[in-house]
């Protein structure tokens, strides 16, 4: 992967860079030059990218996200979803009457036959 493609990947990982472009404070060319000189070094980017974004790259970021997850809250949401699915399942099985299930396919009556002719 060439340097330009690496910079595009880096920029896509850090969408907060766009606000500096829109404000007119920076240009993509200036950001590319910083990237070309310093690479992805966090010290060079700390003015433009908050520390949380840089540390969220890779395994560190994943472990940090997992640490911040409230497992009790997730379990409550799962239980609620299971109850809702059970309720929907009961409704759909109750609405399917045995007569409509047992009734086989019907054959249409000929168009020219009226009132049991």
PDB file of N, CA and C in Angstrom:
ATOM      1  N   UNK A   1       0.862  -1.172   0.000  1.00  0.00           N
ATOM      2  CA  UNK A   1       0.000   0.000   0.000  1.00  0.00           C
ATOM      3  C   UNK A   1       0.910   1.237   0.000  1.00  0.00           C
ATOM      4  N   UNK A   2       0.645   2.156  -0.894  1.00  0.00           N
ATOM      5  CA  UNK A   2       1.481   3.345  -0.963  1.00  0.00           C
ATOM      6  C   UNK A   2       1.077   4.362   0.112  1.00  0.00           C
ATOM      7  N   UNK A   3       1.895   5.370   0.260  1.00  0.00           N
ATOM      8  CA  UNK A   3       1.700   6.377   1.311  1.00  0.00           C
ATOM      9  C   UNK A   3       0.358   7.090   1.184  1.00  0.00           C
ATOM     10  N   UNK A   4      -0.052   7.345  -0.047  1.00  0.00           N
ATOM     11  CA  UNK A   4      -1.315   8.040  -0.287  1.00  0.00           C
ATOM     12  C   UNK A   4      -2.492   7.194   0.188  1.00  0.00           C
ATOM     13  N   UNK A   5      -2.465   5.903  -0.113  1.00  0.00           N
ATOM     14  CA  UNK A   5      -3.527   5.001   0.321  1.00  0.00           C
ATOM     15  C   UNK A   5      -3.534   4.863   1.849  1.00  0.00           C
ATOM     16  N   UNK A   6      -2.347   4.826   2.455  1.00  0.00           N
ATOM     17  CA  UNK A   6      -2.251   4.755   3.914  1.00  0.00           C
ATOM     18  C   UNK A   6      -2.868   5.998   4.557  1.00  0.00           C
ATOM     19  N   UNK A   7      -2.610   7.162   3.945  1.00  0.00           N
ATOM     20  CA  UNK A   7      -3.184   8.395   4.468  1.00  0.00           C
ATOM     21  C   UNK A   7      -4.701   8.399   4.331  1.00  0.00           C
ATOM     22  N   UNK A   8      -5.211   7.896   3.218  1.00  0.00           N
ATOM     23  CA  UNK A   8      -6.660   7.819   3.034  1.00  0.00           C
ATOM     24  C   UNK A   8      -7.294   6.934   4.104  1.00  0.00           C
ATOM     25  N   UNK A   9      -6.650   5.804   4.401  1.00  0.00           N
ATOM     26  CA  UNK A   9      -7.149   4.911   5.445  1.00  0.00           C
ATOM     27  C   UNK A   9      -7.113   5.617   6.802  1.00  0.00           C
ATOM     28  N   UNK A  10      -6.013   6.301   7.081  1.00  0.00           N
ATOM     29  CA  UNK A  10      -5.872   7.037   8.340  1.00  0.00           C
ATOM     30  C   UNK A  10      -6.948   8.118   8.459  1.00  0.00           C
ATOM     31  N   UNK A  11      -7.182   8.855   7.378  1.00  0.00           N
ATOM     32  CA  UNK A  11      -8.188   9.922   7.390  1.00  0.00           C
ATOM     33  C   UNK A  11      -9.591   9.350   7.568  1.00  0.00           C
ATOM     34  N   UNK A  12      -9.846   8.182   6.996  1.00  0.00           N
ATOM     35  CA  UNK A  12     -11.169   7.581   7.163  1.00  0.00           C
ATOM     36  C   UNK A  12     -11.379   7.089   8.593  1.00  0.00           C
ATOM     37  N   UNK A  13     -10.305   6.756   9.289  1.00  0.00           N
ATOM     38  CA  UNK A  13     -10.408   6.353  10.698  1.00  0.00           C
ATOM     39  C   UNK A  13     -10.617   7.549  11.631  1.00  0.00           C
ATOM     40  N   UNK A  14     -10.316   8.747  11.135  1.00  0.00           N
ATOM     41  CA  UNK A  14     -10.407   9.965  11.948  1.00  0.00           C
ATOM     42  C   UNK A  14     -11.259  11.017  11.248  1.00  0.00           C
ATOM     43  N   UNK A  15     -12.579  10.826  11.249  1.00  0.00           N
ATOM     44  CA  UNK A  15     -13.454  11.781  10.551  1.00  0.00           C
ATOM     45  C   UNK A  15     -13.467  13.172  11.185  1.00  0.00           C
ATOM     46  N   UNK A  16     -12.946  13.303  12.398  1.00  0.00           N
ATOM     47  CA  UNK A  16     -12.920  14.626  13.035  1.00  0.00           C
ATOM     48  C   UNK A  16     -11.959  15.590  12.328  1.00  0.00           C
ATOM     49  N   UNK A  17     -11.109  15.080  11.438  1.00  0.00           N
ATOM     50  CA  UNK A  17     -10.217  15.956  10.675  1.00  0.00           C
ATOM     51  C   UNK A  17     -11.000  16.857   9.719  1.00  0.00           C
ATOM     52  N   UNK A  18     -12.169  16.398   9.318  1.00  0.00           N
ATOM     53  CA  UNK A  18     -12.973  17.150   8.346  1.00  0.00           C
ATOM     54  C   UNK A  18     -13.378  18.516   8.890  1.00  0.00           C
ATOM     55  N   UNK A  19     -13.625  18.609  10.205  1.00  0.00           N
ATOM     56  CA  UNK A  19     -14.048  19.904  10.751  1.00  0.00           C
ATOM     57  C   UNK A  19     -12.969  20.972  10.578  1.00  0.00           C
ATOM     58  N   UNK A  20     -11.692  20.564  10.601  1.00  0.00           N
ATOM     59  CA  UNK A  20     -10.611  21.533  10.378  1.00  0.00           C
ATOM     60  C   UNK A  20     -10.563  21.969   8.912  1.00  0.00           C
ATOM     61  N   UNK A  21     -10.937  21.067   8.032  1.00  0.00           N
ATOM     62  CA  UNK A  21     -10.987  21.401   6.608  1.00  0.00           C
ATOM     63  C   UNK A  21     -12.130  22.378   6.353  1.00  0.00           C
ATOM     64  N   UNK A  22     -13.307  22.072   6.933  1.00  0.00           N
ATOM     65  CA  UNK A  22     -14.479  22.923   6.721  1.00  0.00           C
ATOM     66  C   UNK A  22     -14.299  24.302   7.329  1.00  0.00           C
ATOM     67  N   UNK A  23     -13.608  24.397   8.476  1.00  0.00           N
ATOM     68  CA  UNK A  23     -13.353  25.696   9.111  1.00  0.00           C
ATOM     69  C   UNK A  23     -12.325  26.515   8.351  1.00  0.00           C
ATOM     70  N   UNK A  24     -11.583  25.877   7.462  1.00  0.00           N
ATOM     71  CA  UNK A  24     -10.542  26.579   6.715  1.00  0.00           C
ATOM     72  C   UNK A  24      -9.239  26.668   7.475  1.00  0.00           C
ATOM     73  N   UNK A  25      -9.147  25.984   8.619  1.00  0.00           N
ATOM     74  CA  UNK A  25      -7.917  26.025   9.408  1.00  0.00           C
ATOM     75  C   UNK A  25      -6.819  25.154   8.811  1.00  0.00           C
ATOM     76  N   UNK A  26      -7.220  24.094   8.118  1.00  0.00           N
ATOM     77  CA  UNK A  26      -6.259  23.162   7.535  1.00  0.00           C
ATOM     78  C   UNK A  26      -6.748  22.761   6.159  1.00  0.00           C
ATOM     79  N   UNK A  27      -5.866  22.112   5.415  1.00  0.00           N
ATOM     80  CA  UNK A  27      -6.241  21.549   4.124  1.00  0.00           C
ATOM     81  C   UNK A  27      -5.797  20.094   4.118  1.00  0.00           C
ATOM     82  N   UNK A  28      -6.330  19.323   3.181  1.00  0.00           N
ATOM     83  CA  UNK A  28      -5.913  17.923   3.090  1.00  0.00           C
ATOM     84  C   UNK A  28      -4.428  17.837   2.765  1.00  0.00           C
ATOM     85  N   UNK A  29      -3.942  18.805   2.007  1.00  0.00           N
ATOM     86  CA  UNK A  29      -2.515  18.811   1.668  1.00  0.00           C
ATOM     87  C   UNK A  29      -1.659  18.962   2.927  1.00  0.00           C
ATOM     88  N   UNK A  30      -2.045  19.878   3.819  1.00  0.00           N
ATOM     89  CA  UNK A  30      -1.280  20.073   5.060  1.00  0.00           C
ATOM     90  C   UNK A  30      -1.348  18.840   5.949  1.00  0.00           C
ATOM     91  N   UNK A  31      -2.545  18.225   6.034  1.00  0.00           N
ATOM     92  CA  UNK A  31      -2.671  16.991   6.809  1.00  0.00           C
ATOM     93  C   UNK A  31      -1.802  15.886   6.210  1.00  0.00           C
ATOM     94  N   UNK A  32      -1.774  15.802   4.895  1.00  0.00           N
ATOM     95  CA  UNK A  32      -0.954  14.783   4.242  1.00  0.00           C
ATOM     96  C   UNK A  32       0.525  15.009   4.534  1.00  0.00           C
ATOM     97  N   UNK A  33       0.933  16.269   4.537  1.00  0.00           N
ATOM     98  CA  UNK A  33       2.331  16.569   4.832  1.00  0.00           C
ATOM     99  C   UNK A  33       2.695  16.161   6.256  1.00  0.00           C
ATOM    100  N   UNK A  34       1.808  16.418   7.202  1.00  0.00           N
ATOM    101  CA  UNK A  34       2.041  15.980   8.591  1.00  0.00           C
ATOM    102  C   UNK A  34       2.143  14.460   8.641  1.00  0.00           C
ATOM    103  N   UNK A  35       1.236  13.800   7.915  1.00  0.00           N
ATOM    104  CA  UNK A  35       1.246  12.341   7.891  1.00  0.00           C
ATOM    105  C   UNK A  35       2.522  11.811   7.243  1.00  0.00           C
ATOM    106  N   UNK A  36       2.963  12.477   6.191  1.00  0.00           N
ATOM    107  CA  UNK A  36       4.166  12.056   5.482  1.00  0.00           C
ATOM    108  C   UNK A  36       5.397  12.173   6.376  1.00  0.00           C
ATOM    109  N   UNK A  37       5.450  13.221   7.196  1.00  0.00           N
ATOM    110  CA  UNK A  37       6.614  13.442   8.053  1.00  0.00           C
ATOM    111  C   UNK A  37       6.564  12.577   9.318  1.00  0.00           C
ATOM    112  N   UNK A  38       5.411  12.589  10.005  1.00  0.00           N
ATOM    113  CA  UNK A  38       5.322  11.943  11.314  1.00  0.00           C
ATOM    114  C   UNK A  38       4.597  10.600  11.316  1.00  0.00           C
ATOM    115  N   UNK A  39       3.887  10.290  10.259  1.00  0.00           N
ATOM    116  CA  UNK A  39       3.119   9.052  10.238  1.00  0.00           C
ATOM    117  C   UNK A  39       1.913   9.176  11.159  1.00  0.00           C
ATOM    118  N   UNK A  40       1.603   8.094  11.852  1.00  0.00           N
ATOM    119  CA  UNK A  40       0.431   8.077  12.722  1.00  0.00           C
ATOM    120  C   UNK A  40       0.796   8.358  14.179  1.00  0.00           C
ATOM    121  N   UNK A  41       1.961   8.951  14.403  1.00  0.00           N
ATOM    122  CA  UNK A  41       2.422   9.266  15.758  1.00  0.00           C
ATOM    123  C   UNK A  41       1.422  10.160  16.471  1.00  0.00           C
ATOM    124  N   UNK A  42       0.988   9.747  17.650  1.00  0.00           N
ATOM    125  CA  UNK A  42      -0.067  10.463  18.371  1.00  0.00           C
ATOM    126  C   UNK A  42       0.357  11.872  18.783  1.00  0.00           C
ATOM    127  N   UNK A  43       1.640  12.110  19.013  1.00  0.00           N
ATOM    128  CA  UNK A  43       2.079  13.453  19.413  1.00  0.00           C
ATOM    129  C   UNK A  43       1.875  14.471  18.298  1.00  0.00           C
ATOM    130  N   UNK A  44       2.061  14.043  17.078  1.00  0.00           N
ATOM    131  CA  UNK A  44       1.892  14.961  15.946  1.00  0.00           C
ATOM    132  C   UNK A  44       0.421  15.272  15.698  1.00  0.00           C
ATOM    133  N   UNK A  45      -0.472  14.367  16.077  1.00  0.00           N
ATOM    134  CA  UNK A  45      -1.895  14.514  15.779  1.00  0.00           C
ATOM    135  C   UNK A  45      -2.728  14.938  16.980  1.00  0.00           C
ATOM    136  N   UNK A  46      -2.123  15.074  18.166  1.00  0.00           N
ATOM    137  CA  UNK A  46      -2.922  15.349  19.365  1.00  0.00           C
ATOM    138  C   UNK A  46      -3.676  16.675  19.301  1.00  0.00           C
ATOM    139  N   UNK A  47      -3.193  17.612  18.496  1.00  0.00           N
ATOM    140  CA  UNK A  47      -3.890  18.891  18.329  1.00  0.00           C
ATOM    141  C   UNK A  47      -5.177  18.728  17.518  1.00  0.00           C
ATOM    142  N   UNK A  48      -5.204  17.748  16.628  1.00  0.00           N
ATOM    143  CA  UNK A  48      -6.327  17.579  15.708  1.00  0.00           C
ATOM    144  C   UNK A  48      -7.243  16.409  16.060  1.00  0.00           C
ATOM    145  N   UNK A  49      -6.688  15.425  16.732  1.00  0.00           N
ATOM    146  CA  UNK A  49      -7.452  14.215  17.053  1.00  0.00           C
ATOM    147  C   UNK A  49      -7.394  14.017  18.559  1.00  0.00           C
ATOM    148  N   UNK A  50      -8.570  13.796  19.162  1.00  0.00           N
ATOM    149  CA  UNK A  50      -8.554  13.576  20.603  1.00  0.00           C
ATOM    150  C   UNK A  50      -7.889  12.247  20.930  1.00  0.00           C
ATOM    151  N   UNK A  51      -7.348  12.127  22.131  1.00  0.00           N
ATOM    152  CA  UNK A  51      -6.582  10.951  22.534  1.00  0.00           C
ATOM    153  C   UNK A  51      -7.400   9.679  22.500  1.00  0.00           C
ATOM    154  N   UNK A  52      -8.705   9.777  22.765  1.00  0.00           N
ATOM    155  CA  UNK A  52      -9.541   8.578  22.762  1.00  0.00           C
ATOM    156  C   UNK A  52      -9.587   7.941  21.387  1.00  0.00           C
ATOM    157  N   UNK A  53      -9.605   8.767  20.358  1.00  0.00           N
ATOM    158  CA  UNK A  53      -9.679   8.231  19.002  1.00  0.00           C
ATOM    159  C   UNK A  53      -8.408   7.491  18.650  1.00  0.00           C
ATOM    160  N   UNK A  54      -7.259   8.061  19.015  1.00  0.00           N
ATOM    161  CA  UNK A  54      -5.992   7.415  18.695  1.00  0.00           C
ATOM    162  C   UNK A  54      -5.857   6.107  19.466  1.00  0.00           C
ATOM    163  N   UNK A  55      -6.220   6.106  20.745  1.00  0.00           N
ATOM    164  CA  UNK A  55      -6.062   4.894  21.540  1.00  0.00           C
ATOM    165  C   UNK A  55      -7.093   3.839  21.189  1.00  0.00           C
ATOM    166  N   UNK A  56      -8.160   4.216  20.480  1.00  0.00           N
ATOM    167  CA  UNK A  56      -9.180   3.239  20.115  1.00  0.00           C
ATOM    168  C   UNK A  56      -8.780   2.385  18.924  1.00  0.00           C
ATOM    169  N   UNK A  57      -7.635   2.647  18.327  1.00  0.00           N
ATOM    170  CA  UNK A  57      -7.188   1.830  17.210  1.00  0.00           C
ATOM    171  C   UNK A  57      -6.603   0.530  17.742  1.00  0.00           C
ATOM    172  N   UNK A  58      -6.961  -0.566  17.115  1.00  0.00           N
ATOM    173  CA  UNK A  58      -6.360  -1.841  17.443  1.00  0.00           C
ATOM    174  C   UNK A  58      -6.920  -2.491  18.688  1.00  0.00           C
ATOM    175  N   UNK A  59      -6.120  -3.380  19.255  1.00  0.00           N
ATOM    176  CA  UNK A  59      -6.529  -4.194  20.401  1.00  0.00           C
ATOM    177  C   UNK A  59      -6.792  -3.336  21.631  1.00  0.00           C
ATOM    178  N   UNK A  60      -6.005  -2.289  21.840  1.00  0.00           N
ATOM    179  CA  UNK A  60      -6.227  -1.413  22.999  1.00  0.00           C
ATOM    180  C   UNK A  60      -7.639  -0.846  22.995  1.00  0.00           C
ATOM    181  N   UNK A  61      -8.064  -0.381  21.847  1.00  0.00           N
ATOM    182  CA  UNK A  61      -9.396   0.204  21.731  1.00  0.00           C
ATOM    183  C   UNK A  61     -10.488  -0.810  21.995  1.00  0.00           C
ATOM    184  N   UNK A  62     -10.305  -2.006  21.486  1.00  0.00           N
ATOM    185  CA  UNK A  62     -11.317  -3.048  21.680  1.00  0.00           C
ATOM    186  C   UNK A  62     -11.417  -3.423  23.153  1.00  0.00           C
ATOM    187  N   UNK A  63     -10.276  -3.607  23.799  1.00  0.00           N
ATOM    188  CA  UNK A  63     -10.317  -3.964  25.227  1.00  0.00           C
ATOM    189  C   UNK A  63     -10.908  -2.836  26.057  1.00  0.00           C
ATOM    190  N   UNK A  64     -10.632  -1.601  25.692  1.00  0.00           N
ATOM    191  CA  UNK A  64     -11.198  -0.467  26.419  1.00  0.00           C
ATOM    192  C   UNK A  64     -12.717  -0.425  26.251  1.00  0.00           C
ATOM    193  N   UNK A  65     -13.206  -0.710  25.040  1.00  0.00           N
ATOM    194  CA  UNK A  65     -14.644  -0.716  24.812  1.00  0.00           C
ATOM    195  C   UNK A  65     -15.304  -1.833  25.608  1.00  0.00           C
ATOM    196  N   UNK A  66     -14.669  -3.000  25.663  1.00  0.00           N
ATOM    197  CA  UNK A  66     -15.238  -4.125  26.406  1.00  0.00           C
ATOM    198  C   UNK A  66     -15.287  -3.813  27.894  1.00  0.00           C
ATOM    199  N   UNK A  67     -14.291  -3.119  28.392  1.00  0.00           N
ATOM    200  CA  UNK A  67     -14.273  -2.754  29.814  1.00  0.00           C
ATOM    201  C   UNK A  67     -15.423  -1.813  30.155  1.00  0.00           C
ATOM    202  N   UNK A  68     -15.804  -0.964  29.214  1.00  0.00           N
ATOM    203  CA  UNK A  68     -16.851   0.025  29.457  1.00  0.00           C
ATOM    204  C   UNK A  68     -18.261  -0.515  29.282  1.00  0.00           C
ATOM    205  N   UNK A  69     -18.395  -1.776  28.878  1.00  0.00           N
ATOM    206  CA  UNK A  69     -19.714  -2.354  28.631  1.00  0.00           C
ATOM    207  C   UNK A  69     -20.356  -2.746  29.956  1.00  0.00           C
ATOM    208  N   UNK A  70     -21.613  -2.359  30.129  1.00  0.00           N
ATOM    209  CA  UNK A  70     -22.377  -2.736  31.318  1.00  0.00           C
ATOM    210  C   UNK A  70     -23.112  -4.038  31.012  1.00  0.00           C
ATOM    211  N   UNK A  71     -22.595  -5.143  31.547  1.00  0.00           N
ATOM    212  CA  UNK A  71     -23.153  -6.456  31.232  1.00  0.00           C
ATOM    213  C   UNK A  71     -24.571  -6.618  31.770  1.00  0.00           C
ATOM    214  N   UNK A  72     -24.896  -6.003  32.906  1.00  0.00           N
ATOM    215  CA  UNK A  72     -26.255  -6.096  33.453  1.00  0.00           C
ATOM    216  C   UNK A  72     -27.263  -5.459  32.499  1.00  0.00           C
ATOM    217  N   UNK A  73     -26.886  -4.333  31.937  1.00  0.00           N
ATOM    218  CA  UNK A  73     -27.760  -3.649  30.988  1.00  0.00           C
ATOM    219  C   UNK A  73     -27.978  -4.499  29.738  1.00  0.00           C
ATOM    220  N   UNK A  74     -26.921  -5.106  29.248  1.00  0.00           N
ATOM    221  CA  UNK A  74     -27.040  -5.957  28.069  1.00  0.00           C
ATOM    222  C   UNK A  74     -27.944  -7.147  28.369  1.00  0.00           C
ATOM    223  N   UNK A  75     -27.784  -7.750  29.551  1.00  0.00           N
ATOM    224  CA  UNK A  75     -28.610  -8.898  29.922  1.00  0.00           C
ATOM    225  C   UNK A  75     -30.086  -8.496  30.002  1.00  0.00           C
ATOM    226  N   UNK A  76     -30.370  -7.303  30.528  1.00  0.00           N
ATOM    227  CA  UNK A  76     -31.752  -6.829  30.600  1.00  0.00           C
ATOM    228  C   UNK A  76     -32.343  -6.672  29.203  1.00  0.00           C
ATOM    229  N   UNK A  77     -31.554  -6.119  28.275  1.00  0.00           N
ATOM    230  CA  UNK A  77     -32.023  -5.931  26.897  1.00  0.00           C
ATOM    231  C   UNK A  77     -32.271  -7.282  26.217  1.00  0.00           C
ATOM    232  N   UNK A  78     -31.395  -8.233  26.469  1.00  0.00           N
ATOM    233  CA  UNK A  78     -31.573  -9.566  25.882  1.00  0.00           C
ATOM    234  C   UNK A  78     -32.844 -10.209  26.422  1.00  0.00           C
ATOM    235  N   UNK A  79     -33.069 -10.109  27.742  1.00  0.00           N
ATOM    236  CA  UNK A  79     -34.279 -10.676  28.340  1.00  0.00           C
ATOM    237  C   UNK A  79     -35.542 -10.025  27.766  1.00  0.00           C
ATOM    238  N   UNK A  80     -35.502  -8.717  27.595  1.00  0.00           N
ATOM    239  CA  UNK A  80     -36.650  -8.007  27.024  1.00  0.00           C
ATOM    240  C   UNK A  80     -36.914  -8.477  25.598  1.00  0.00           C
ATOM    241  N   UNK A  81     -35.858  -8.628  24.818  1.00  0.00           N
ATOM    242  CA  UNK A  81     -36.014  -9.083  23.437  1.00  0.00           C
ATOM    243  C   UNK A  81     -36.568 -10.507  23.400  1.00  0.00           C
ATOM    244  N   UNK A  82     -36.106 -11.369  24.313  1.00  0.00           N
ATOM    245  CA  UNK A  82     -36.609 -12.742  24.359  1.00  0.00           C
ATOM    246  C   UNK A  82     -38.090 -12.762  24.720  1.00  0.00           C
ATOM    247  N   UNK A  83     -38.505 -11.929  25.657  1.00  0.00           N
ATOM    248  CA  UNK A  83     -39.919 -11.862  26.033  1.00  0.00           C
ATOM    249  C   UNK A  83     -40.764 -11.387  24.853  1.00  0.00           C
ATOM    250  N   UNK A  84     -40.270 -10.379  24.146  1.00  0.00           N
ATOM    251  CA  UNK A  84     -41.014  -9.854  22.997  1.00  0.00           C
ATOM    252  C   UNK A  84     -41.144 -10.913  21.912  1.00  0.00           C
ATOM    253  N   UNK A  85     -40.077 -11.645  21.639  1.00  0.00           N
ATOM    254  CA  UNK A  85     -40.137 -12.697  20.632  1.00  0.00           C
ATOM    255  C   UNK A  85     -41.076 -13.819  21.051  1.00  0.00           C
ATOM    256  N   UNK A  86     -41.082 -14.153  22.335  1.00  0.00           N
ATOM    257  CA  UNK A  86     -42.008 -15.165  22.832  1.00  0.00           C
ATOM    258  C   UNK A  86     -43.449 -14.721  22.682  1.00  0.00           C
ATOM    259  N   UNK A  87     -43.707 -13.459  22.981  1.00  0.00           N
ATOM    260  CA  UNK A  87     -45.062 -12.907  22.850  1.00  0.00           C
ATOM    261  C   UNK A  87     -45.517 -12.937  21.395  1.00  0.00           C
ATOM    262  N   UNK A  88     -44.652 -12.534  20.498  1.00  0.00           N
ATOM    263  CA  UNK A  88     -44.985 -12.540  19.073  1.00  0.00           C
ATOM    264  C   UNK A  88     -45.222 -13.971  18.601  1.00  0.00           C
ATOM    265  N   UNK A  89     -44.417 -14.889  19.074  1.00  0.00           N
ATOM    266  CA  UNK A  89     -44.587 -16.293  18.703  1.00  0.00           C
ATOM    267  C   UNK A  89     -45.941 -16.819  19.165  1.00  0.00           C
ATOM    268  N   UNK A  90     -46.345 -16.465  20.398  1.00  0.00           N
ATOM    269  CA  UNK A  90     -47.655 -16.885  20.904  1.00  0.00           C
ATOM    270  C   UNK A  90     -48.775 -16.308  20.063  1.00  0.00           C
ATOM    271  N   UNK A  91     -48.675 -15.039  19.696  1.00  0.00           N
ATOM    272  CA  UNK A  91     -49.710 -14.400  18.884  1.00  0.00           C
ATOM    273  C   UNK A  91     -49.850 -15.061  17.522  1.00  0.00           C
ATOM    274  N   UNK A  92     -48.745 -15.367  16.904  1.00  0.00           N
ATOM    275  CA  UNK A  92     -48.815 -15.956  15.565  1.00  0.00           C
ATOM    276  C   UNK A  92     -49.346 -17.377  15.613  1.00  0.00           C
ATOM    277  N   UNK A  93     -49.052 -18.133  16.657  1.00  0.00           N
ATOM    278  CA  UNK A  93     -49.572 -19.502  16.727  1.00  0.00           C
ATOM    279  C   UNK A  93     -51.039 -19.509  17.127  1.00  0.00           C
ATOM    280  N   UNK A  94     -51.487 -18.553  17.928  1.00  0.00           N
ATOM    281  CA  UNK A  94     -52.901 -18.483  18.314  1.00  0.00           C
ATOM    282  C   UNK A  94     -53.770 -18.061  17.138  1.00  0.00           C
ATOM    283  N   UNK A  95     -53.274 -17.164  16.287  1.00  0.00           N
ATOM    284  CA  UNK A  95     -54.050 -16.662  15.160  1.00  0.00           C
ATOM    285  C   UNK A  95     -54.195 -17.697  14.052  1.00  0.00           C
ATOM    286  N   UNK A  96     -53.312 -18.654  13.988  1.00  0.00           N
ATOM    287  CA  UNK A  96     -53.404 -19.693  12.962  1.00  0.00           C
ATOM    288  C   UNK A  96     -54.368 -20.756  13.476  1.00  0.00           C
ATOM    289  N   UNK A  97     -55.599 -20.691  13.025  1.00  0.00           N
ATOM    290  CA  UNK A  97     -56.621 -21.627  13.507  1.00  0.00           C
ATOM    291  C   UNK A  97     -56.400 -22.999  12.897  1.00  0.00           C
ATOM    292  N   UNK A  98     -56.745 -24.044  13.634  1.00  0.00           N
ATOM    293  CA  UNK A  98     -56.557 -25.404  13.103  1.00  0.00           C
ATOM    294  C   UNK A  98     -57.377 -25.655  11.840  1.00  0.00           C
ATOM    295  N   UNK A  99     -58.551 -25.033  11.718  1.00  0.00           N
ATOM    296  CA  UNK A  99     -59.380 -25.237  10.535  1.00  0.00           C
ATOM    297  C   UNK A  99     -58.685 -24.716   9.279  1.00  0.00           C
ATOM    298  N   UNK A 100     -58.036 -23.552   9.390  1.00  0.00           N
ATOM    299  CA  UNK A 100     -57.369 -22.997   8.218  1.00  0.00           C
ATOM    300  C   UNK A 100     -56.117 -23.787   7.867  1.00  0.00           C
ATOM    301  N   UNK A 101     -55.507 -24.395   8.881  1.00  0.00           N
ATOM    302  CA  UNK A 101     -54.311 -25.194   8.624  1.00  0.00           C
ATOM    303  C   UNK A 101     -54.709 -26.526   7.996  1.00  0.00           C
ATOM    304  N   UNK A 102     -55.788 -27.167   8.517  1.00  0.00           N
ATOM    305  CA  UNK A 102     -56.218 -28.470   8.037  1.00  0.00           C
ATOM    306  C   UNK A 102     -56.867 -28.391   6.669  1.00  0.00           C
ATOM    307  N   UNK A 103     -57.427 -27.273   6.336  1.00  0.00           N
ATOM    308  CA  UNK A 103     -58.106 -27.096   5.061  1.00  0.00           C
ATOM    309  C   UNK A 103     -57.086 -27.190   3.932  1.00  0.00           C
ATOM    310  N   UNK A 104     -57.332 -28.062   3.006  1.00  0.00           N
ATOM    311  CA  UNK A 104     -56.391 -28.270   1.917  1.00  0.00           C
ATOM    312  C   UNK A 104     -56.538 -27.220   0.851  1.00  0.00           C
ATOM    313  N   UNK A 105     -55.812 -27.403  -0.227  1.00  0.00           N
ATOM    314  CA  UNK A 105     -55.915 -26.443  -1.329  1.00  0.00           C
ATOM    315  C   UNK A 105     -57.276 -26.558  -2.009  1.00  0.00           C
ATOM    316  N   UNK A 106     -57.806 -25.445  -2.424  1.00  0.00           N
ATOM    317  CA  UNK A 106     -59.115 -25.417  -3.077  1.00  0.00           C
ATOM    318  C   UNK A 106     -58.926 -25.258  -4.571  1.00  0.00           C
ATOM    319  N   UNK A 107     -59.862 -25.829  -5.308  1.00  0.00           N
ATOM    320  CA  UNK A 107     -59.825 -25.672  -6.763  1.00  0.00           C
ATOM    321  C   UNK A 107     -60.871 -24.631  -7.150  1.00  0.00           C
ATOM    322  N   UNK A 108     -60.540 -23.722  -8.003  1.00  0.00           N
ATOM    323  CA  UNK A 108     -61.496 -22.681  -8.379  1.00  0.00           C
ATOM    324  C   UNK A 108     -62.647 -23.271  -9.211  1.00  0.00           C
ATOM    325  N   UNK A 109     -63.811 -22.706  -9.043  1.00  0.00           N
ATOM    326  CA  UNK A 109     -65.010 -23.127  -9.785  1.00  0.00           C
ATOM    327  C   UNK A 109     -64.911 -22.586 -11.208  1.00  0.00           C
ATOM    328  N   UNK A 110     -65.358 -23.337 -12.190  1.00  0.00           N
ATOM    329  CA  UNK A 110     -65.314 -22.837 -13.573  1.00  0.00           C
ATOM    330  C   UNK A 110     -66.133 -21.560 -13.713  1.00  0.00           C
ATOM    331  N   UNK A 111     -65.697 -20.690 -14.577  1.00  0.00           N
ATOM    332  CA  UNK A 111     -66.348 -19.392 -14.761  1.00  0.00           C
ATOM    333  C   UNK A 111     -67.774 -19.512 -15.304  1.00  0.00           C
ATOM    334  N   UNK A 112     -68.072 -20.534 -16.061  1.00  0.00           N
ATOM    335  CA  UNK A 112     -69.394 -20.640 -16.671  1.00  0.00           C
ATOM    336  C   UNK A 112     -70.389 -21.418 -15.815  1.00  0.00           C
ATOM    337  N   UNK A 113     -70.024 -21.809 -14.633  1.00  0.00           N
ATOM    338  CA  UNK A 113     -70.927 -22.569 -13.774  1.00  0.00           C
ATOM    339  C   UNK A 113     -71.490 -21.644 -12.712  1.00  0.00           C
ATOM    340  N   UNK A 114     -72.841 -21.537 -12.653  1.00  0.00           N
ATOM    341  CA  UNK A 114     -73.502 -20.666 -11.706  1.00  0.00           C
ATOM    342  C   UNK A 114     -74.431 -21.475 -10.831  1.00  0.00           C
ATOM    343  N   UNK A 115     -74.472 -21.216  -9.574  1.00  0.00           N
ATOM    344  CA  UNK A 115     -75.424 -21.775  -8.631  1.00  0.00           C
ATOM    345  C   UNK A 115     -75.707 -23.259  -8.852  1.00  0.00           C
ATOM    346  N   UNK A 116     -74.682 -24.035  -8.828  1.00  0.00           N
ATOM    347  CA  UNK A 116     -74.780 -25.489  -8.937  1.00  0.00           C
ATOM    348  C   UNK A 116     -75.490 -25.942 -10.221  1.00  0.00           C
ATOM    349  N   UNK A 117     -75.203 -25.364 -11.360  1.00  0.00           N
ATOM    350  CA  UNK A 117     -75.811 -25.756 -12.655  1.00  0.00           C
ATOM    351  C   UNK A 117     -75.444 -27.169 -13.010  1.00  0.00           C
TER     352      UNK A 117
END
